Amino acid sequence: MAAQITSTSNSQVKNVIALMKKSRTRAEQGLFVVEGIRMFQELPAPWIVQVYISESFEAAGPTDEVDRVCTPVIVSDKVFAAMADTCAPQGILALVRQPVWELEQMAGLSERPFFLILEQLQDPGNLGTILRTAEAAGCTGIIMSRDTVDIYNPKVIRSTMGAVYRVPFFYADRLEETVTRLKEKGFLIYAAHLKGSVSFECPDYRVPCACMIGNEGNGLSESLAALAHRRIRIPMEGKAESLNAAVSAALIMYEAYRQRRE
């Protein structure tokens, strides 16, 4: 089948590129873009708005898997390369509806919710890795400050390896108020902090609780850390002062997972 779109001046192409590059466009349209065959295969079908495939992808074999979801738009290889965010595109991408989660909805997912609270994380790779680890460690959900990197950034989406479809998340306009609401609901709040009074293995994670992780360079703001019931630290040898945010989050999430499994 001949390509239906052969020019980068096409309005659909321009929109996909804008969605790839601009968080404001993604927010205004309530959409984001996923790229690659594996990310497509794991997509919840009701979220899919439109699928684009390259001429090469269409020519390589049957597209029944795509056709069952919706009729794909075929674009020339050159145009697809302009639409894609990766250096070696696989020939398929999709426009996807953004899921909407509310705090109360997330809190009701488990009798013993465990949340990770992220303040002003800026690195897309860190956020994507945290989501992927959160799924593996059974974290109930992720709560983020509004100034945290956009979870729909293509680099974040790729590094989640599909976990973004399955781990609930919520952006809080006022993170301190959100933490206060959790405390009122009976959550214990822990803050990962260089001046923590106890090691991260010590708290009881088997009750409804949340752990706060701060910005890669500055850590938690003092006003947010002050809301914690307890500040915890990760013991370290040598001259290292701190760990990568994603590594710190992984250690804490897996300690919570270990306790909950037992």
Protein backbone atom coordinates (compact mmCIF):
# COMPACT_ATOMS: atom_id res chain seq x y z
CA MET A 1 0.00 0.00 0.00
CA ALA A 2 1.32 3.45 -0.91
CA ALA A 3 2.10 5.92 1.83
CA GLN A 4 -0.81 8.14 2.78
CA ILE A 5 1.47 10.92 4.08
CA THR A 6 4.61 11.88 2.20
CA SER A 7 5.33 15.40 3.44
CA THR A 8 6.51 16.74 6.77
CA SER A 9 4.30 19.77 6.19
CA ASN A 10 1.23 17.58 6.78
CA SER A 11 -0.77 18.83 9.80
CA GLN A 12 -0.84 15.38 11.45
CA VAL A 13 2.94 15.09 11.18
CA LYS A 14 3.43 18.56 12.63
CA ASN A 15 1.14 17.67 15.53
CA VAL A 16 3.01 14.46 16.34
CA ILE A 17 6.32 16.34 16.34
CA ALA A 18 4.84 19.01 18.64
CA LEU A 19 3.55 16.32 21.01
CA MET A 20 7.01 14.76 21.07
CA LYS A 21 8.78 18.02 21.87
CA LYS A 22 6.41 20.18 23.93
CA SER A 23 4.93 19.33 27.31
CA ARG A 24 2.44 22.19 26.92
CA THR A 25 1.05 20.66 23.73
CA ARG A 26 0.73 17.29 25.45
CA ALA A 27 -1.11 18.89 28.37
CA GLU A 28 -3.44 20.89 26.13
CA GLN A 29 -4.44 17.87 24.06
CA GLY A 30 -4.35 15.29 26.85
CA LEU A 31 -2.23 13.07 24.61
CA PHE A 32 1.27 11.64 24.48
CA VAL A 33 3.28 9.61 21.98
CA VAL A 34 4.67 6.09 22.36
CA GLU A 35 7.16 4.66 19.91
CA GLY A 36 8.31 1.14 19.12
CA ILE A 37 6.65 -2.25 18.70
CA ARG A 38 6.98 -3.40 22.32
CA MET A 39 5.53 -0.17 23.73
CA PHE A 40 2.68 -0.50 21.24
CA GLN A 41 1.99 -4.14 22.10
CA GLU A 42 1.63 -3.33 25.81
CA LEU A 43 -0.67 -0.34 25.26
CA PRO A 44 -4.17 -0.60 26.73
CA ALA A 45 -6.35 -0.53 23.61
CA PRO A 46 -8.87 2.05 24.96
CA TRP A 47 -6.03 4.57 25.33
CA ILE A 48 -5.08 4.50 21.64
CA VAL A 49 -6.18 7.45 19.50
CA GLN A 50 -4.18 6.90 16.29
CA VAL A 51 -1.36 4.69 15.02
CA TYR A 52 1.25 5.65 12.43
CA ILE A 53 3.46 3.14 10.64
CA SER A 54 6.23 3.61 8.11
CA GLU A 55 6.18 2.18 4.60
CA SER A 56 9.00 -0.19 5.56
CA PHE A 57 7.08 -1.45 8.60
CA GLU A 58 3.99 -2.07 6.48
CA ALA A 59 6.00 -3.85 3.80
CA ALA A 60 7.89 -6.06 6.30
CA GLY A 61 4.95 -8.24 7.15
CA PRO A 62 1.34 -8.56 8.30
CA THR A 63 -0.02 -5.67 10.37
CA ASP A 64 -2.99 -7.58 11.79
CA GLU A 65 -1.98 -6.69 15.34
CA VAL A 66 -2.20 -3.00 14.47
CA ASP A 67 -5.33 -3.34 12.33
CA ARG A 68 -7.24 -4.98 15.21
CA VAL A 69 -6.85 -1.78 17.21
CA CYS A 70 -7.39 0.85 14.52
CA THR A 71 -6.62 1.55 10.89
CA PRO A 72 -3.04 2.83 10.82
CA VAL A 73 -1.89 5.84 8.85
CA ILE A 74 1.03 4.90 6.61
CA VAL A 75 3.76 7.49 6.16
CA SER A 76 6.90 7.49 4.05
CA ASP A 77 10.11 6.38 5.76
CA LYS A 78 11.52 9.88 5.49
CA VAL A 79 8.50 11.42 7.14
CA PHE A 80 8.44 8.78 9.85
CA ALA A 81 12.08 9.52 10.68
CA ALA A 82 11.10 13.17 11.17
CA MET A 83 8.20 12.19 13.45
CA ALA A 84 10.19 9.76 15.59
CA ASP A 85 12.22 10.71 18.66
CA THR A 86 14.69 7.84 18.35
CA CYS A 87 17.78 7.62 16.14
CA ALA A 88 16.79 4.20 14.75
CA PRO A 89 12.97 4.22 14.66
CA GLN A 90 11.17 0.89 14.52
CA GLY A 91 8.46 2.16 12.20
CA ILE A 92 5.48 2.39 14.55
CA LEU A 93 4.22 5.04 16.93
CA ALA A 94 0.88 5.85 18.50
CA LEU A 95 -0.99 8.82 19.89
CA VAL A 96 -2.28 7.87 23.33
CA ARG A 97 -4.74 9.37 25.82
CA GLN A 98 -3.22 10.44 29.11
CA PRO A 99 -4.59 8.47 32.08
CA VAL A 100 -6.10 10.48 34.91
CA TRP A 101 -5.58 9.46 38.54
CA GLU A 102 -6.74 11.19 41.72
CA LEU A 103 -5.12 10.84 45.14
CA GLU A 104 -8.15 9.25 46.79
CA GLN A 105 -8.47 6.79 43.94
CA MET A 106 -4.84 5.75 44.30
CA ALA A 107 -5.12 5.46 48.09
CA GLY A 108 -8.03 3.05 47.64
CA LEU A 109 -6.06 0.60 45.50
CA SER A 110 -4.63 -1.23 48.51
CA GLU A 111 -5.38 -1.82 52.18
CA ARG A 112 -1.75 -0.89 52.85
CA PRO A 113 -0.75 1.63 50.19
CA PHE A 114 2.89 2.49 49.73
CA PHE A 115 3.60 5.65 47.75
CA LEU A 116 6.78 7.22 46.51
CA ILE A 117 6.69 11.03 46.61
CA LEU A 118 9.04 12.87 44.24
CA GLU A 119 9.94 16.53 44.61
CA GLN A 120 11.32 18.39 41.61
CA LEU A 121 13.10 15.48 39.90
CA GLN A 122 14.51 16.77 36.62
CA ASP A 123 16.17 13.86 34.87
CA PRO A 124 13.87 11.91 32.50
CA GLY A 125 15.93 8.75 32.89
CA ASN A 126 15.61 8.87 36.66
CA LEU A 127 11.83 9.22 36.54
CA GLY A 128 11.43 6.45 33.98
CA THR A 129 13.65 4.10 35.97
CA ILE A 130 11.73 4.88 39.15
CA LEU A 131 8.42 3.97 37.48
CA ARG A 132 9.85 0.74 36.13
CA THR A 133 11.25 -0.17 39.54
CA ALA A 134 8.01 0.84 41.26
CA GLU A 135 6.09 -1.72 39.24
CA ALA A 136 8.61 -4.46 39.99
CA ALA A 137 8.65 -3.65 43.73
CA GLY A 138 4.89 -3.45 44.09
CA CYS A 139 4.73 0.28 44.84
CA THR A 140 1.09 1.42 44.90
CA GLY A 141 1.73 4.68 43.07
CA ILE A 142 3.90 7.73 42.45
CA ILE A 143 3.09 11.26 43.61
CA MET A 144 5.06 14.11 42.04
CA SER A 145 5.42 17.84 42.51
CA ARG A 146 4.18 19.87 39.57
CA ASP A 147 7.76 20.96 38.75
CA THR A 148 8.95 17.38 38.35
CA VAL A 149 9.94 16.43 34.79
CA ASP A 150 6.96 15.63 32.56
CA ILE A 151 6.19 11.94 32.79
CA TYR A 152 5.05 12.02 29.15
CA ASN A 153 8.46 13.17 27.94
CA PRO A 154 9.42 10.58 25.28
CA LYS A 155 12.65 9.74 27.14
CA VAL A 156 10.66 9.01 30.31
CA ILE A 157 8.14 6.91 28.40
CA ARG A 158 10.85 4.77 26.79
CA SER A 159 12.74 4.17 30.01
CA THR A 160 9.60 2.98 31.84
CA MET A 161 9.49 -0.06 29.50
CA GLY A 162 5.69 -0.03 29.70
CA ALA A 163 5.37 0.54 33.44
CA VAL A 164 3.83 3.95 32.74
CA TYR A 165 0.70 2.05 31.63
CA ARG A 166 0.41 0.16 34.90
CA VAL A 167 1.76 2.30 37.76
CA PRO A 168 -0.70 4.95 38.94
CA PHE A 169 0.73 8.46 39.26
CA PHE A 170 -0.46 11.88 40.31
CA TYR A 171 0.95 15.40 39.93
CA ALA A 172 0.24 17.54 42.99
CA ASP A 173 -0.19 21.28 42.50
CA ARG A 174 0.73 21.79 46.16
CA LEU A 175 2.87 18.90 47.30
CA GLU A 176 2.99 19.96 50.96
CA GLU A 177 -0.81 20.00 51.12
CA THR A 178 -0.92 16.56 49.52
CA VAL A 179 1.51 15.16 52.08
CA THR A 180 -0.58 16.70 54.86
CA ARG A 181 -3.68 15.01 53.44
CA LEU A 182 -1.90 11.66 53.50
CA LYS A 183 -0.92 12.20 57.13
CA GLU A 184 -4.55 12.96 57.96
CA LYS A 185 -5.48 9.63 56.33
CA GLY A 186 -3.10 7.84 58.71
CA PHE A 187 -0.08 7.46 56.44
CA LEU A 188 3.38 7.40 57.95
CA ILE A 189 5.65 9.72 55.97
CA TYR A 190 9.38 9.08 55.63
CA ALA A 191 11.91 11.46 54.09
CA ALA A 192 15.08 10.21 52.42
CA HIS A 193 17.58 12.70 53.82
CA LEU A 194 21.35 13.03 54.24
CA LYS A 195 20.72 13.92 57.89
CA GLY A 196 18.37 11.01 58.51
CA SER A 197 18.28 9.72 62.06
CA VAL A 198 17.93 6.02 61.13
CA SER A 199 18.91 3.70 58.30
CA PHE A 200 16.29 3.10 55.60
CA GLU A 201 15.79 -0.53 56.75
CA CYS A 202 14.49 0.55 60.17
CA PRO A 203 11.00 1.98 59.52
CA ASP A 204 7.92 -0.22 59.31
CA TYR A 205 6.77 -0.18 55.68
CA ARG A 206 4.00 -2.72 56.26
CA VAL A 207 1.50 -0.01 57.18
CA PRO A 208 0.09 2.70 54.88
CA CYS A 209 3.12 4.89 54.25
CA ALA A 210 5.01 7.02 51.77
CA CYS A 211 8.63 7.93 51.24
CA MET A 212 9.78 11.28 49.85
CA ILE A 213 12.72 11.62 47.44
CA GLY A 214 14.11 15.04 46.53
CA ASN A 215 15.74 16.80 43.62
CA GLU A 216 18.90 15.22 42.18
CA GLY A 217 21.13 18.12 43.19
CA ASN A 218 19.47 19.68 46.21
CA GLY A 219 17.51 16.88 47.84
CA LEU A 220 14.23 17.59 49.60
CA SER A 221 13.23 21.14 50.42
CA GLU A 222 13.32 21.80 54.16
CA SER A 223 9.61 22.69 54.23
CA LEU A 224 8.67 19.30 52.76
CA ALA A 225 11.18 17.32 54.83
CA ALA A 226 9.74 18.95 57.96
CA LEU A 227 6.43 17.17 57.32
CA ALA A 228 7.98 13.71 57.65
CA HIS A 229 7.40 11.56 60.71
CA ARG A 230 10.99 10.36 60.35
CA ARG A 231 14.02 11.16 58.21
CA ILE A 232 15.86 8.11 56.93
CA ARG A 233 19.29 7.72 55.39
CA ILE A 234 21.09 5.20 53.19
CA PRO A 235 24.40 4.18 54.82
CA MET A 236 27.42 4.67 52.56
CA GLU A 237 31.12 3.90 52.70
CA GLY A 238 33.99 5.87 51.24
CA LYS A 239 33.63 9.50 50.23
CA ALA A 240 30.24 9.22 48.53
CA GLU A 241 27.79 11.76 49.91
CA SER A 242 24.67 10.60 48.13
CA LEU A 243 23.30 8.16 45.57
CA ASN A 244 21.47 8.72 42.32
CA ALA A 245 17.78 9.49 42.96
CA ALA A 246 16.60 6.42 41.07
CA VAL A 247 19.04 4.17 42.95
CA SER A 248 17.94 5.60 46.31
CA ALA A 249 14.29 5.12 45.41
CA ALA A 250 14.97 1.53 44.31
CA LEU A 251 16.67 0.61 47.59
CA ILE A 252 13.80 2.00 49.64
CA MET A 253 11.07 0.47 47.48
CA TYR A 254 12.68 -2.94 47.64
CA GLU A 255 13.08 -2.75 51.41
CA ALA A 256 9.35 -2.01 51.60
CA TYR A 257 8.72 -4.91 49.24
CA ARG A 258 10.87 -7.23 51.36
CA GLN A 259 9.00 -6.35 54.54
CA ARG A 260 5.60 -6.70 52.88
CA ARG A 261 6.44 -10.09 51.41
CA GLU A 262 7.35 -11.38 54.86
